[in-house]
Amino acid sequence: MKAATDFEAMTIGQMLEPMFATVDTAKGLLGGGTGEENFKPMLITEMAKQVEQHGGLGLANSIYAQMLKMQEKHR
């Protein structure tokens, strides 16, 4: 189940990434810069994990069921 929830969080992160790409951080509180650009992927990853832990998109259960089917098929 952990692999399924991790995959869902990764998918959510991929969906959030373009949203953060449109934000102009140069005029923000911290003024943008290299540090902020390096921090942004970590922020997106953690936000995606939180979204997944609080209901997510509902993909994890379907992915988990499919993984179980594939395992049974190979036995």
Protein backbone atom coordinates (compact mmCIF):
# COMPACT_ATOMS: atom_id res chain seq x y z
CA MET A 1 0.00 0.00 0.00
CA LYS A 2 2.93 2.33 0.68
CA ALA A 3 4.06 2.07 -2.95
CA ALA A 4 0.54 2.93 -4.11
CA THR A 5 0.26 5.96 -1.82
CA ASP A 6 3.77 7.11 -2.76
CA PHE A 7 2.83 6.85 -6.43
CA GLU A 8 -0.32 8.89 -5.84
CA ALA A 9 1.68 11.57 -4.00
CA MET A 10 4.16 11.68 -6.88
CA THR A 11 1.28 12.09 -9.35
CA ILE A 12 -0.17 14.93 -7.30
CA GLY A 13 3.27 16.56 -7.21
CA GLN A 14 3.47 16.39 -10.99
CA MET A 15 0.10 18.13 -11.17
CA LEU A 16 1.13 20.85 -8.70
CA GLU A 17 4.46 21.62 -10.37
CA PRO A 18 3.06 23.70 -13.29
CA MET A 19 1.03 25.75 -10.82
CA PHE A 20 4.18 26.77 -8.94
CA ALA A 21 6.00 27.48 -12.22
CA THR A 22 3.58 30.36 -12.88
CA VAL A 23 4.31 32.16 -9.59
CA ASP A 24 6.72 35.10 -9.82
CA THR A 25 8.73 34.80 -6.62
CA ALA A 26 11.00 37.77 -7.35
CA LYS A 27 8.50 40.16 -5.78
CA GLY A 28 7.59 37.88 -2.89
CA LEU A 29 8.52 38.11 0.76
CA LEU A 30 11.84 36.32 0.30
CA GLY A 31 12.66 37.88 -3.07
CA GLY A 32 13.17 34.69 -5.10
CA GLY A 33 16.72 33.68 -5.82
CA THR A 34 18.65 30.44 -5.94
CA GLY A 35 17.70 29.31 -2.44
CA GLU A 36 14.01 29.67 -3.12
CA GLU A 37 14.32 27.86 -6.45
CA ASN A 38 16.14 24.98 -4.73
CA PHE A 39 13.51 24.82 -1.99
CA LYS A 40 10.50 24.83 -4.34
CA PRO A 41 10.70 21.14 -5.42
CA MET A 42 10.87 20.05 -1.76
CA LEU A 43 7.86 22.23 -0.96
CA ILE A 44 5.87 20.71 -3.83
CA THR A 45 6.79 17.18 -2.74
CA GLU A 46 5.70 17.80 0.84
CA MET A 47 2.47 19.49 -0.24
CA ALA A 48 1.69 16.53 -2.50
CA LYS A 49 2.26 14.12 0.40
CA GLN A 50 -0.10 16.12 2.58
CA VAL A 51 -2.79 16.17 -0.11
CA GLU A 52 -2.46 12.39 -0.51
CA GLN A 53 -2.62 11.80 3.27
CA HIS A 54 -5.83 13.82 3.49
CA GLY A 55 -7.77 11.97 0.80
CA GLY A 56 -5.75 12.66 -2.32
CA LEU A 57 -7.31 11.89 -5.67
CA GLY A 58 -8.46 8.40 -4.75
CA LEU A 59 -5.86 6.68 -6.90
CA ALA A 60 -4.01 4.71 -4.21
CA ASN A 61 -6.75 2.13 -3.63
CA SER A 62 -7.13 1.43 -7.35
CA ILE A 63 -3.38 1.17 -7.83
CA TYR A 64 -3.09 -1.16 -4.82
CA ALA A 65 -5.87 -3.42 -6.13
CA GLN A 66 -4.17 -3.60 -9.53
CA MET A 67 -0.83 -4.44 -7.92
CA LEU A 68 -2.47 -7.32 -6.02
CA LYS A 69 -4.06 -8.62 -9.24
CA MET A 70 -0.70 -8.57 -10.98
CA GLN A 71 0.94 -10.47 -8.10
CA GLU A 72 -1.76 -13.14 -8.09
CA LYS A 73 -1.46 -13.53 -11.84
CA HIS A 74 2.26 -14.38 -11.55
CA ARG A 75 1.81 -17.06 -8.88
